[in-house]
Amino acid sequence: MVDYRKYNVWQKSHRLVIDIYAVTTNFPKTEQFNLISQINRAAVSIPTNIVEGCGRETQKELIRFLYISSGSAHELEYLILLSTDLNFIKKETSEKLLSELIEIKKMLASLIKKINASL
């Protein structure tokens, strides 16, 4: 098993979750069980799947969970864009979050490629 805390991508995605939770506290209360819940779950899914993959027995299983994490990152990207268009997130906040997310997506792709090359 691999210590997930050593991965920069996990560290960055963990910080992103904290940022996302701070942002969604300002959403309208009517979105509590809709957009807020969906955004928070997508954000949490990114580092959570990295952790779960690191707890698996094989590198192949780790890669599978990294792909799931990447899928959640793509989902979160859309949800941030939607929230910005609905004026729930300010443009400058959205740009900061999307910049972090793009970096995380690139890091996940790089990690997947690196692990695949070692198989």
PDB file of N, CA and C in Angstrom:
ATOM      1  N   MET A   1       0.831  -1.189   0.000  1.00  0.00           N
ATOM      2  CA  MET A   1       0.000   0.000   0.000  1.00  0.00           C
ATOM      3  C   MET A   1       0.875   1.252   0.000  1.00  0.00           C
ATOM      4  N   VAL A   2       0.388   2.262  -0.645  1.00  0.00           N
ATOM      5  CA  VAL A   2       1.107   3.519  -0.814  1.00  0.00           C
ATOM      6  C   VAL A   2       0.499   4.569   0.117  1.00  0.00           C
ATOM      7  N   ASP A   3       1.339   5.405   0.710  1.00  0.00           N
ATOM      8  CA  ASP A   3       0.843   6.492   1.559  1.00  0.00           C
ATOM      9  C   ASP A   3       0.340   7.621   0.660  1.00  0.00           C
ATOM     10  N   TYR A   4      -0.959   7.802   0.617  1.00  0.00           N
ATOM     11  CA  TYR A   4      -1.573   8.807  -0.253  1.00  0.00           C
ATOM     12  C   TYR A   4      -1.107  10.222   0.067  1.00  0.00           C
ATOM     13  N   ARG A   5      -0.708  10.472   1.304  1.00  0.00           N
ATOM     14  CA  ARG A   5      -0.307  11.825   1.704  1.00  0.00           C
ATOM     15  C   ARG A   5       0.978  12.288   1.023  1.00  0.00           C
ATOM     16  N   LYS A   6       1.722  11.355   0.443  1.00  0.00           N
ATOM     17  CA  LYS A   6       2.963  11.728  -0.238  1.00  0.00           C
ATOM     18  C   LYS A   6       2.705  12.300  -1.633  1.00  0.00           C
ATOM     19  N   TYR A   7       1.523  12.079  -2.150  1.00  0.00           N
ATOM     20  CA  TYR A   7       1.200  12.565  -3.485  1.00  0.00           C
ATOM     21  C   TYR A   7       0.790  14.040  -3.451  1.00  0.00           C
ATOM     22  N   ASN A   8       1.492  14.862  -4.235  1.00  0.00           N
ATOM     23  CA  ASN A   8       1.130  16.284  -4.328  1.00  0.00           C
ATOM     24  C   ASN A   8      -0.296  16.463  -4.832  1.00  0.00           C
ATOM     25  N   VAL A   9      -0.721  15.583  -5.730  1.00  0.00           N
ATOM     26  CA  VAL A   9      -2.072  15.687  -6.275  1.00  0.00           C
ATOM     27  C   VAL A   9      -3.118  15.473  -5.178  1.00  0.00           C
ATOM     28  N   TRP A  10      -2.832  14.596  -4.225  1.00  0.00           N
ATOM     29  CA  TRP A  10      -3.766  14.420  -3.112  1.00  0.00           C
ATOM     30  C   TRP A  10      -3.780  15.681  -2.256  1.00  0.00           C
ATOM     31  N   GLN A  11      -2.607  16.231  -1.958  1.00  0.00           N
ATOM     32  CA  GLN A  11      -2.512  17.440  -1.130  1.00  0.00           C
ATOM     33  C   GLN A  11      -3.275  18.595  -1.770  1.00  0.00           C
ATOM     34  N   LYS A  12      -3.091  18.785  -3.075  1.00  0.00           N
ATOM     35  CA  LYS A  12      -3.777  19.868  -3.783  1.00  0.00           C
ATOM     36  C   LYS A  12      -5.287  19.633  -3.836  1.00  0.00           C
ATOM     37  N   SER A  13      -5.686  18.401  -4.056  1.00  0.00           N
ATOM     38  CA  SER A  13      -7.123  18.121  -4.139  1.00  0.00           C
ATOM     39  C   SER A  13      -7.784  18.245  -2.763  1.00  0.00           C
ATOM     40  N   HIS A  14      -7.055  17.924  -1.714  1.00  0.00           N
ATOM     41  CA  HIS A  14      -7.576  18.102  -0.350  1.00  0.00           C
ATOM     42  C   HIS A  14      -7.810  19.591  -0.071  1.00  0.00           C
ATOM     43  N   ARG A  15      -6.845  20.418  -0.451  1.00  0.00           N
ATOM     44  CA  ARG A  15      -7.001  21.871  -0.259  1.00  0.00           C
ATOM     45  C   ARG A  15      -8.154  22.411  -1.105  1.00  0.00           C
ATOM     46  N   LEU A  16      -8.337  21.848  -2.294  1.00  0.00           N
ATOM     47  CA  LEU A  16      -9.438  22.277  -3.146  1.00  0.00           C
ATOM     48  C   LEU A  16     -10.786  21.978  -2.488  1.00  0.00           C
ATOM     49  N   VAL A  17     -10.903  20.827  -1.854  1.00  0.00           N
ATOM     50  CA  VAL A  17     -12.147  20.484  -1.152  1.00  0.00           C
ATOM     51  C   VAL A  17     -12.457  21.548  -0.095  1.00  0.00           C
ATOM     52  N   ILE A  18     -11.461  21.940   0.654  1.00  0.00           N
ATOM     53  CA  ILE A  18     -11.655  22.954   1.692  1.00  0.00           C
ATOM     54  C   ILE A  18     -12.106  24.276   1.061  1.00  0.00           C
ATOM     55  N   ASP A  19     -11.480  24.647  -0.063  1.00  0.00           N
ATOM     56  CA  ASP A  19     -11.877  25.875  -0.776  1.00  0.00           C
ATOM     57  C   ASP A  19     -13.309  25.781  -1.294  1.00  0.00           C
ATOM     58  N   ILE A  20     -13.653  24.625  -1.850  1.00  0.00           N
ATOM     59  CA  ILE A  20     -15.007  24.426  -2.390  1.00  0.00           C
ATOM     60  C   ILE A  20     -16.059  24.540  -1.284  1.00  0.00           C
ATOM     61  N   TYR A  21     -15.806  23.906  -0.146  1.00  0.00           N
ATOM     62  CA  TYR A  21     -16.751  23.990   0.965  1.00  0.00           C
ATOM     63  C   TYR A  21     -16.934  25.430   1.422  1.00  0.00           C
ATOM     64  N   ALA A  22     -15.854  26.203   1.440  1.00  0.00           N
ATOM     65  CA  ALA A  22     -15.951  27.615   1.834  1.00  0.00           C
ATOM     66  C   ALA A  22     -16.816  28.393   0.846  1.00  0.00           C
ATOM     67  N   VAL A  23     -16.677  28.098  -0.428  1.00  0.00           N
ATOM     68  CA  VAL A  23     -17.446  28.796  -1.461  1.00  0.00           C
ATOM     69  C   VAL A  23     -18.918  28.412  -1.414  1.00  0.00           C
ATOM     70  N   THR A  24     -19.211  27.124  -1.256  1.00  0.00           N
ATOM     71  CA  THR A  24     -20.617  26.689  -1.313  1.00  0.00           C
ATOM     72  C   THR A  24     -21.425  27.120  -0.088  1.00  0.00           C
ATOM     73  N   THR A  25     -20.762  27.536   0.986  1.00  0.00           N
ATOM     74  CA  THR A  25     -21.525  28.046   2.144  1.00  0.00           C
ATOM     75  C   THR A  25     -22.247  29.338   1.792  1.00  0.00           C
ATOM     76  N   ASN A  26     -21.824  30.001   0.713  1.00  0.00           N
ATOM     77  CA  ASN A  26     -22.465  31.259   0.292  1.00  0.00           C
ATOM     78  C   ASN A  26     -23.546  31.063  -0.759  1.00  0.00           C
ATOM     79  N   PHE A  27     -23.783  29.833  -1.159  1.00  0.00           N
ATOM     80  CA  PHE A  27     -24.834  29.550  -2.141  1.00  0.00           C
ATOM     81  C   PHE A  27     -26.205  29.760  -1.488  1.00  0.00           C
ATOM     82  N   PRO A  28     -27.228  29.987  -2.317  1.00  0.00           N
ATOM     83  CA  PRO A  28     -28.587  30.094  -1.761  1.00  0.00           C
ATOM     84  C   PRO A  28     -28.984  28.793  -1.049  1.00  0.00           C
ATOM     85  N   LYS A  29     -29.682  28.922   0.059  1.00  0.00           N
ATOM     86  CA  LYS A  29     -30.097  27.749   0.842  1.00  0.00           C
ATOM     87  C   LYS A  29     -30.978  26.807   0.026  1.00  0.00           C
ATOM     88  N   THR A  30     -31.659  27.346  -0.988  1.00  0.00           N
ATOM     89  CA  THR A  30     -32.510  26.503  -1.840  1.00  0.00           C
ATOM     90  C   THR A  30     -31.687  25.470  -2.615  1.00  0.00           C
ATOM     91  N   GLU A  31     -30.383  25.686  -2.720  1.00  0.00           N
ATOM     92  CA  GLU A  31     -29.504  24.762  -3.447  1.00  0.00           C
ATOM     93  C   GLU A  31     -28.848  23.727  -2.535  1.00  0.00           C
ATOM     94  N   GLN A  32     -29.223  23.716  -1.255  1.00  0.00           N
ATOM     95  CA  GLN A  32     -28.563  22.832  -0.290  1.00  0.00           C
ATOM     96  C   GLN A  32     -28.581  21.367  -0.707  1.00  0.00           C
ATOM     97  N   PHE A  33     -29.698  20.896  -1.222  1.00  0.00           N
ATOM     98  CA  PHE A  33     -29.809  19.483  -1.580  1.00  0.00           C
ATOM     99  C   PHE A  33     -29.624  19.248  -3.080  1.00  0.00           C
ATOM    100  N   ASN A  34     -29.284  20.283  -3.778  1.00  0.00           N
ATOM    101  CA  ASN A  34     -29.060  20.170  -5.220  1.00  0.00           C
ATOM    102  C   ASN A  34     -27.598  20.467  -5.551  1.00  0.00           C
ATOM    103  N   LEU A  35     -27.359  21.682  -5.997  1.00  0.00           N
ATOM    104  CA  LEU A  35     -26.027  22.043  -6.479  1.00  0.00           C
ATOM    105  C   LEU A  35     -24.960  21.987  -5.387  1.00  0.00           C
ATOM    106  N   ILE A  36     -25.256  22.454  -4.204  1.00  0.00           N
ATOM    107  CA  ILE A  36     -24.267  22.421  -3.111  1.00  0.00           C
ATOM    108  C   ILE A  36     -23.834  20.987  -2.846  1.00  0.00           C
ATOM    109  N   SER A  37     -24.801  20.104  -2.703  1.00  0.00           N
ATOM    110  CA  SER A  37     -24.511  18.698  -2.429  1.00  0.00           C
ATOM    111  C   SER A  37     -23.696  18.074  -3.565  1.00  0.00           C
ATOM    112  N   GLN A  38     -24.087  18.344  -4.803  1.00  0.00           N
ATOM    113  CA  GLN A  38     -23.410  17.770  -5.964  1.00  0.00           C
ATOM    114  C   GLN A  38     -21.966  18.271  -6.066  1.00  0.00           C
ATOM    115  N   ILE A  39     -21.771  19.572  -5.872  1.00  0.00           N
ATOM    116  CA  ILE A  39     -20.425  20.151  -5.955  1.00  0.00           C
ATOM    117  C   ILE A  39     -19.541  19.588  -4.851  1.00  0.00           C
ATOM    118  N   ASN A  40     -20.050  19.575  -3.629  1.00  0.00           N
ATOM    119  CA  ASN A  40     -19.250  19.074  -2.511  1.00  0.00           C
ATOM    120  C   ASN A  40     -18.891  17.606  -2.699  1.00  0.00           C
ATOM    121  N   ARG A  41     -19.838  16.798  -3.164  1.00  0.00           N
ATOM    122  CA  ARG A  41     -19.563  15.374  -3.376  1.00  0.00           C
ATOM    123  C   ARG A  41     -18.532  15.159  -4.482  1.00  0.00           C
ATOM    124  N   ALA A  42     -18.642  15.927  -5.564  1.00  0.00           N
ATOM    125  CA  ALA A  42     -17.669  15.802  -6.663  1.00  0.00           C
ATOM    126  C   ALA A  42     -16.275  16.198  -6.175  1.00  0.00           C
ATOM    127  N   ALA A  43     -16.201  17.275  -5.394  1.00  0.00           N
ATOM    128  CA  ALA A  43     -14.906  17.732  -4.878  1.00  0.00           C
ATOM    129  C   ALA A  43     -14.294  16.695  -3.943  1.00  0.00           C
ATOM    130  N   VAL A  44     -15.087  16.179  -3.019  1.00  0.00           N
ATOM    131  CA  VAL A  44     -14.598  15.189  -2.050  1.00  0.00           C
ATOM    132  C   VAL A  44     -14.168  13.902  -2.750  1.00  0.00           C
ATOM    133  N   SER A  45     -14.829  13.582  -3.837  1.00  0.00           N
ATOM    134  CA  SER A  45     -14.526  12.354  -4.568  1.00  0.00           C
ATOM    135  C   SER A  45     -13.103  12.339  -5.132  1.00  0.00           C
ATOM    136  N   ILE A  46     -12.560  13.500  -5.433  1.00  0.00           N
ATOM    137  CA  ILE A  46     -11.219  13.547  -6.039  1.00  0.00           C
ATOM    138  C   ILE A  46     -10.164  12.987  -5.076  1.00  0.00           C
ATOM    139  N   PRO A  47      -9.973  13.589  -3.889  1.00  0.00           N
ATOM    140  CA  PRO A  47      -8.963  13.023  -2.988  1.00  0.00           C
ATOM    141  C   PRO A  47      -9.368  11.674  -2.400  1.00  0.00           C
ATOM    142  N   THR A  48     -10.660  11.451  -2.222  1.00  0.00           N
ATOM    143  CA  THR A  48     -11.126  10.193  -1.639  1.00  0.00           C
ATOM    144  C   THR A  48     -10.763   9.005  -2.529  1.00  0.00           C
ATOM    145  N   ASN A  49     -10.912   9.158  -3.831  1.00  0.00           N
ATOM    146  CA  ASN A  49     -10.571   8.066  -4.736  1.00  0.00           C
ATOM    147  C   ASN A  49      -9.073   7.855  -4.834  1.00  0.00           C
ATOM    148  N   ILE A  50      -8.287   8.910  -4.660  1.00  0.00           N
ATOM    149  CA  ILE A  50      -6.832   8.742  -4.587  1.00  0.00           C
ATOM    150  C   ILE A  50      -6.495   7.893  -3.359  1.00  0.00           C
ATOM    151  N   VAL A  51      -7.115   8.230  -2.236  1.00  0.00           N
ATOM    152  CA  VAL A  51      -6.882   7.485  -0.991  1.00  0.00           C
ATOM    153  C   VAL A  51      -7.296   6.025  -1.151  1.00  0.00           C
ATOM    154  N   GLU A  52      -8.482   5.802  -1.707  1.00  0.00           N
ATOM    155  CA  GLU A  52      -8.959   4.425  -1.856  1.00  0.00           C
ATOM    156  C   GLU A  52      -8.051   3.630  -2.787  1.00  0.00           C
ATOM    157  N   GLY A  53      -7.615   4.246  -3.865  1.00  0.00           N
ATOM    158  CA  GLY A  53      -6.711   3.561  -4.789  1.00  0.00           C
ATOM    159  C   GLY A  53      -5.390   3.189  -4.136  1.00  0.00           C
ATOM    160  N   CYS A  54      -4.885   4.085  -3.290  1.00  0.00           N
ATOM    161  CA  CYS A  54      -3.621   3.804  -2.584  1.00  0.00           C
ATOM    162  C   CYS A  54      -3.774   2.649  -1.597  1.00  0.00           C
ATOM    163  N   GLY A  55      -4.985   2.412  -1.145  1.00  0.00           N
ATOM    164  CA  GLY A  55      -5.237   1.322  -0.209  1.00  0.00           C
ATOM    165  C   GLY A  55      -5.451  -0.022  -0.871  1.00  0.00           C
ATOM    166  N   ARG A  56      -5.460  -0.045  -2.165  1.00  0.00           N
ATOM    167  CA  ARG A  56      -5.666  -1.292  -2.908  1.00  0.00           C
ATOM    168  C   ARG A  56      -4.366  -2.062  -3.054  1.00  0.00           C
ATOM    169  N   GLU A  57      -4.492  -3.287  -3.485  1.00  0.00           N
ATOM    170  CA  GLU A  57      -3.346  -4.198  -3.531  1.00  0.00           C
ATOM    171  C   GLU A  57      -2.434  -4.022  -4.736  1.00  0.00           C
ATOM    172  N   THR A  58      -2.991  -3.551  -5.845  1.00  0.00           N
ATOM    173  CA  THR A  58      -2.178  -3.498  -7.064  1.00  0.00           C
ATOM    174  C   THR A  58      -2.138  -2.096  -7.662  1.00  0.00           C
ATOM    175  N   GLN A  59      -1.123  -1.871  -8.474  1.00  0.00           N
ATOM    176  CA  GLN A  59      -0.986  -0.600  -9.196  1.00  0.00           C
ATOM    177  C   GLN A  59      -2.135  -0.431 -10.192  1.00  0.00           C
ATOM    178  N   LYS A  60      -2.572  -1.543 -10.765  1.00  0.00           N
ATOM    179  CA  LYS A  60      -3.678  -1.499 -11.726  1.00  0.00           C
ATOM    180  C   LYS A  60      -4.955  -0.972 -11.047  1.00  0.00           C
ATOM    181  N   GLU A  61      -5.187  -1.426  -9.817  1.00  0.00           N
ATOM    182  CA  GLU A  61      -6.354  -0.935  -9.076  1.00  0.00           C
ATOM    183  C   GLU A  61      -6.194   0.543  -8.733  1.00  0.00           C
ATOM    184  N   LEU A  62      -4.980   0.947  -8.379  1.00  0.00           N
ATOM    185  CA  LEU A  62      -4.723   2.362  -8.102  1.00  0.00           C
ATOM    186  C   LEU A  62      -5.064   3.206  -9.322  1.00  0.00           C
ATOM    187  N   ILE A  63      -4.635   2.757 -10.491  1.00  0.00           N
ATOM    188  CA  ILE A  63      -4.929   3.488 -11.724  1.00  0.00           C
ATOM    189  C   ILE A  63      -6.433   3.619 -11.937  1.00  0.00           C
ATOM    190  N   ARG A  64      -7.167   2.559 -11.673  1.00  0.00           N
ATOM    191  CA  ARG A  64      -8.633   2.598 -11.842  1.00  0.00           C
ATOM    192  C   ARG A  64      -9.244   3.698 -10.979  1.00  0.00           C
ATOM    193  N   PHE A  65      -8.782   3.817  -9.736  1.00  0.00           N
ATOM    194  CA  PHE A  65      -9.320   4.842  -8.840  1.00  0.00           C
ATOM    195  C   PHE A  65      -8.831   6.238  -9.215  1.00  0.00           C
ATOM    196  N   LEU A  66      -7.646   6.329  -9.797  1.00  0.00           N
ATOM    197  CA  LEU A  66      -7.171   7.629 -10.287  1.00  0.00           C
ATOM    198  C   LEU A  66      -8.025   8.103 -11.458  1.00  0.00           C
ATOM    199  N   TYR A  67      -8.467   7.160 -12.295  1.00  0.00           N
ATOM    200  CA  TYR A  67      -9.386   7.518 -13.379  1.00  0.00           C
ATOM    201  C   TYR A  67     -10.726   8.009 -12.830  1.00  0.00           C
ATOM    202  N   ILE A  68     -11.215   7.374 -11.784  1.00  0.00           N
ATOM    203  CA  ILE A  68     -12.466   7.813 -11.157  1.00  0.00           C
ATOM    204  C   ILE A  68     -12.286   9.220 -10.589  1.00  0.00           C
ATOM    205  N   SER A  69     -11.145   9.443  -9.942  1.00  0.00           N
ATOM    206  CA  SER A  69     -10.823  10.758  -9.405  1.00  0.00           C
ATOM    207  C   SER A  69     -10.813  11.808 -10.519  1.00  0.00           C
ATOM    208  N   SER A  70     -10.215  11.454 -11.637  1.00  0.00           N
ATOM    209  CA  SER A  70     -10.164  12.356 -12.787  1.00  0.00           C
ATOM    210  C   SER A  70     -11.570  12.658 -13.309  1.00  0.00           C
ATOM    211  N   GLY A  71     -12.415  11.653 -13.355  1.00  0.00           N
ATOM    212  CA  GLY A  71     -13.796  11.866 -13.778  1.00  0.00           C
ATOM    213  C   GLY A  71     -14.515  12.845 -12.863  1.00  0.00           C
ATOM    214  N   SER A  72     -14.281  12.727 -11.572  1.00  0.00           N
ATOM    215  CA  SER A  72     -14.884  13.650 -10.604  1.00  0.00           C
ATOM    216  C   SER A  72     -14.354  15.063 -10.793  1.00  0.00           C
ATOM    217  N   ALA A  73     -13.081  15.185 -11.150  1.00  0.00           N
ATOM    218  CA  ALA A  73     -12.497  16.506 -11.413  1.00  0.00           C
ATOM    219  C   ALA A  73     -13.173  17.154 -12.621  1.00  0.00           C
ATOM    220  N   HIS A  74     -13.433  16.365 -13.647  1.00  0.00           N
ATOM    221  CA  HIS A  74     -14.130  16.892 -14.826  1.00  0.00           C
ATOM    222  C   HIS A  74     -15.558  17.305 -14.466  1.00  0.00           C
ATOM    223  N   GLU A  75     -16.226  16.503 -13.670  1.00  0.00           N
ATOM    224  CA  GLU A  75     -17.580  16.840 -13.219  1.00  0.00           C
ATOM    225  C   GLU A  75     -17.562  18.147 -12.438  1.00  0.00           C
ATOM    226  N   LEU A  76     -16.619  18.282 -11.524  1.00  0.00           N
ATOM    227  CA  LEU A  76     -16.521  19.490 -10.706  1.00  0.00           C
ATOM    228  C   LEU A  76     -16.266  20.716 -11.570  1.00  0.00           C
ATOM    229  N   GLU A  77     -15.464  20.557 -12.599  1.00  0.00           N
ATOM    230  CA  GLU A  77     -15.194  21.685 -13.497  1.00  0.00           C
ATOM    231  C   GLU A  77     -16.502  22.231 -14.072  1.00  0.00           C
ATOM    232  N   TYR A  78     -17.337  21.334 -14.567  1.00  0.00           N
ATOM    233  CA  TYR A  78     -18.626  21.781 -15.115  1.00  0.00           C
ATOM    234  C   TYR A  78     -19.488  22.442 -14.035  1.00  0.00           C
ATOM    235  N   LEU A  79     -19.542  21.844 -12.865  1.00  0.00           N
ATOM    236  CA  LEU A  79     -20.381  22.394 -11.790  1.00  0.00           C
ATOM    237  C   LEU A  79     -19.922  23.790 -11.367  1.00  0.00           C
ATOM    238  N   ILE A  80     -18.627  24.036 -11.407  1.00  0.00           N
ATOM    239  CA  ILE A  80     -18.114  25.381 -11.106  1.00  0.00           C
ATOM    240  C   ILE A  80     -18.532  26.351 -12.205  1.00  0.00           C
ATOM    241  N   LEU A  81     -18.420  25.919 -13.471  1.00  0.00           N
ATOM    242  CA  LEU A  81     -18.858  26.766 -14.589  1.00  0.00           C
ATOM    243  C   LEU A  81     -20.346  27.094 -14.476  1.00  0.00           C
ATOM    244  N   LEU A  82     -21.157  26.092 -14.183  1.00  0.00           N
ATOM    245  CA  LEU A  82     -22.592  26.297 -14.019  1.00  0.00           C
ATOM    246  C   LEU A  82     -22.879  27.270 -12.879  1.00  0.00           C
ATOM    247  N   SER A  83     -22.225  27.064 -11.746  1.00  0.00           N
ATOM    248  CA  SER A  83     -22.438  27.924 -10.580  1.00  0.00           C
ATOM    249  C   SER A  83     -22.029  29.363 -10.868  1.00  0.00           C
ATOM    250  N   THR A  84     -21.012  29.523 -11.690  1.00  0.00           N
ATOM    251  CA  THR A  84     -20.578  30.871 -12.083  1.00  0.00           C
ATOM    252  C   THR A  84     -21.637  31.516 -12.975  1.00  0.00           C
ATOM    253  N   ASP A  85     -22.141  30.760 -13.943  1.00  0.00           N
ATOM    254  CA  ASP A  85     -23.183  31.286 -14.835  1.00  0.00           C
ATOM    255  C   ASP A  85     -24.475  31.607 -14.085  1.00  0.00           C
ATOM    256  N   LEU A  86     -24.724  30.904 -12.988  1.00  0.00           N
ATOM    257  CA  LEU A  86     -25.910  31.174 -12.158  1.00  0.00           C
ATOM    258  C   LEU A  86     -25.651  32.291 -11.142  1.00  0.00           C
ATOM    259  N   ASN A  87     -24.443  32.849 -11.196  1.00  0.00           N
ATOM    260  CA  ASN A  87     -24.024  33.922 -10.280  1.00  0.00           C
ATOM    261  C   ASN A  87     -23.963  33.485  -8.817  1.00  0.00           C
ATOM    262  N   PHE A  88     -23.675  32.213  -8.584  1.00  0.00           N
ATOM    263  CA  PHE A  88     -23.472  31.710  -7.224  1.00  0.00           C
ATOM    264  C   PHE A  88     -21.996  31.819  -6.827  1.00  0.00           C
ATOM    265  N   ILE A  89     -21.106  31.872  -7.839  1.00  0.00           N
ATOM    266  CA  ILE A  89     -19.673  32.018  -7.606  1.00  0.00           C
ATOM    267  C   ILE A  89     -19.210  33.235  -8.403  1.00  0.00           C
ATOM    268  N   LYS A  90     -18.444  34.086  -7.756  1.00  0.00           N
ATOM    269  CA  LYS A  90     -17.887  35.256  -8.439  1.00  0.00           C
ATOM    270  C   LYS A  90     -16.875  34.802  -9.481  1.00  0.00           C
ATOM    271  N   LYS A  91     -16.757  35.570 -10.547  1.00  0.00           N
ATOM    272  CA  LYS A  91     -15.874  35.238 -11.667  1.00  0.00           C
ATOM    273  C   LYS A  91     -14.425  35.018 -11.209  1.00  0.00           C
ATOM    274  N   GLU A  92     -13.905  35.899 -10.364  1.00  0.00           N
ATOM    275  CA  GLU A  92     -12.508  35.754  -9.939  1.00  0.00           C
ATOM    276  C   GLU A  92     -12.312  34.514  -9.061  1.00  0.00           C
ATOM    277  N   THR A  93     -13.301  34.184  -8.248  1.00  0.00           N
ATOM    278  CA  THR A  93     -13.241  32.963  -7.425  1.00  0.00           C
ATOM    279  C   THR A  93     -13.289  31.736  -8.329  1.00  0.00           C
ATOM    280  N   SER A  94     -14.171  31.783  -9.297  1.00  0.00           N
ATOM    281  CA  SER A  94     -14.308  30.687 -10.259  1.00  0.00           C
ATOM    282  C   SER A  94     -12.996  30.449 -11.003  1.00  0.00           C
ATOM    283  N   GLU A  95     -12.363  31.522 -11.454  1.00  0.00           N
ATOM    284  CA  GLU A  95     -11.105  31.397 -12.183  1.00  0.00           C
ATOM    285  C   GLU A  95     -10.023  30.760 -11.322  1.00  0.00           C
ATOM    286  N   LYS A  96      -9.979  31.126 -10.044  1.00  0.00           N
ATOM    287  CA  LYS A  96      -8.996  30.547  -9.121  1.00  0.00           C
ATOM    288  C   LYS A  96      -9.262  29.048  -8.939  1.00  0.00           C
ATOM    289  N   LEU A  97     -10.531  28.681  -8.697  1.00  0.00           N
ATOM    290  CA  LEU A  97     -10.890  27.275  -8.509  1.00  0.00           C
ATOM    291  C   LEU A  97     -10.606  26.458  -9.765  1.00  0.00           C
ATOM    292  N   LEU A  98     -10.956  27.002 -10.923  1.00  0.00           N
ATOM    293  CA  LEU A  98     -10.740  26.282 -12.179  1.00  0.00           C
ATOM    294  C   LEU A  98      -9.252  26.118 -12.474  1.00  0.00           C
ATOM    295  N   SER A  99      -8.463  27.108 -12.120  1.00  0.00           N
ATOM    296  CA  SER A  99      -7.019  27.003 -12.299  1.00  0.00           C
ATOM    297  C   SER A  99      -6.447  25.873 -11.439  1.00  0.00           C
ATOM    298  N   GLU A 100      -6.891  25.794 -10.190  1.00  0.00           N
ATOM    299  CA  GLU A 100      -6.463  24.708  -9.298  1.00  0.00           C
ATOM    300  C   GLU A 100      -6.896  23.360  -9.865  1.00  0.00           C
ATOM    301  N   LEU A 101      -8.116  23.319 -10.354  1.00  0.00           N
ATOM    302  CA  LEU A 101      -8.671  22.074 -10.881  1.00  0.00           C
ATOM    303  C   LEU A 101      -7.941  21.615 -12.138  1.00  0.00           C
ATOM    304  N   ILE A 102      -7.592  22.539 -13.011  1.00  0.00           N
ATOM    305  CA  ILE A 102      -6.840  22.185 -14.219  1.00  0.00           C
ATOM    306  C   ILE A 102      -5.497  21.577 -13.840  1.00  0.00           C
ATOM    307  N   GLU A 103      -4.844  22.163 -12.840  1.00  0.00           N
ATOM    308  CA  GLU A 103      -3.567  21.620 -12.380  1.00  0.00           C
ATOM    309  C   GLU A 103      -3.743  20.209 -11.817  1.00  0.00           C
ATOM    310  N   ILE A 104      -4.800  19.997 -11.043  1.00  0.00           N
ATOM    311  CA  ILE A 104      -5.078  18.675 -10.474  1.00  0.00           C
ATOM    312  C   ILE A 104      -5.340  17.655 -11.589  1.00  0.00           C
ATOM    313  N   LYS A 105      -6.113  18.030 -12.588  1.00  0.00           N
ATOM    314  CA  LYS A 105      -6.395  17.125 -13.701  1.00  0.00           C
ATOM    315  C   LYS A 105      -5.111  16.737 -14.437  1.00  0.00           C
ATOM    316  N   LYS A 106      -4.224  17.709 -14.647  1.00  0.00           N
ATOM    317  CA  LYS A 106      -2.947  17.419 -15.307  1.00  0.00           C
ATOM    318  C   LYS A 106      -2.092  16.496 -14.438  1.00  0.00           C
ATOM    319  N   MET A 107      -2.083  16.737 -13.145  1.00  0.00           N
ATOM    320  CA  MET A 107      -1.297  15.910 -12.229  1.00  0.00           C
ATOM    321  C   MET A 107      -1.821  14.482 -12.206  1.00  0.00           C
ATOM    322  N   LEU A 108      -3.142  14.320 -12.213  1.00  0.00           N
ATOM    323  CA  LEU A 108      -3.726  12.977 -12.246  1.00  0.00           C
ATOM    324  C   LEU A 108      -3.344  12.255 -13.531  1.00  0.00           C
ATOM    325  N   ALA A 109      -3.446  12.947 -14.666  1.00  0.00           N
ATOM    326  CA  ALA A 109      -3.094  12.342 -15.952  1.00  0.00           C
ATOM    327  C   ALA A 109      -1.621  11.928 -15.967  1.00  0.00           C
ATOM    328  N   SER A 110      -0.778  12.774 -15.420  1.00  0.00           N
ATOM    329  CA  SER A 110       0.653  12.475 -15.369  1.00  0.00           C
ATOM    330  C   SER A 110       0.945  11.272 -14.473  1.00  0.00           C
ATOM    331  N   LEU A 111       0.272  11.217 -13.342  1.00  0.00           N
ATOM    332  CA  LEU A 111       0.471  10.104 -12.409  1.00  0.00           C
ATOM    333  C   LEU A 111      -0.013   8.785 -13.031  1.00  0.00           C
ATOM    334  N   ILE A 112      -1.144   8.826 -13.680  1.00  0.00           N
ATOM    335  CA  ILE A 112      -1.674   7.629 -14.364  1.00  0.00           C
ATOM    336  C   ILE A 112      -0.667   7.155 -15.424  1.00  0.00           C
ATOM    337  N   LYS A 113      -0.156   8.094 -16.203  1.00  0.00           N
ATOM    338  CA  LYS A 113       0.809   7.766 -17.262  1.00  0.00           C
ATOM    339  C   LYS A 113       2.078   7.157 -16.643  1.00  0.00           C
ATOM    340  N   LYS A 114       2.556   7.747 -15.560  1.00  0.00           N
ATOM    341  CA  LYS A 114       3.777   7.264 -14.892  1.00  0.00           C
ATOM    342  C   LYS A 114       3.584   5.843 -14.357  1.00  0.00           C
ATOM    343  N   ILE A 115       2.454   5.602 -13.700  1.00  0.00           N
ATOM    344  CA  ILE A 115       2.204   4.269 -13.151  1.00  0.00           C
ATOM    345  C   ILE A 115       2.016   3.252 -14.272  1.00  0.00           C
ATOM    346  N   ASN A 116       1.291   3.639 -15.311  1.00  0.00           N
ATOM    347  CA  ASN A 116       1.110   2.736 -16.467  1.00  0.00           C
ATOM    348  C   ASN A 116       2.446   2.350 -17.083  1.00  0.00           C
ATOM    349  N   ALA A 117       3.365   3.294 -17.148  1.00  0.00           N
ATOM    350  CA  ALA A 117       4.682   3.027 -17.746  1.00  0.00           C
ATOM    351  C   ALA A 117       5.493   2.045 -16.909  1.00  0.00           C
ATOM    352  N   SER A 118       5.189   1.970 -15.623  1.00  0.00           N
ATOM    353  CA  SER A 118       5.950   1.063 -14.740  1.00  0.00           C
ATOM    354  C   SER A 118       5.355  -0.353 -14.691  1.00  0.00           C
ATOM    355  N   LEU A 119       4.198  -0.537 -15.318  1.00  0.00           N
ATOM    356  CA  LEU A 119       3.552  -1.864 -15.299  1.00  0.00           C
ATOM    357  C   LEU A 119       4.158  -2.812 -16.313  1.00  0.00           C
TER     358      LEU A 119
END
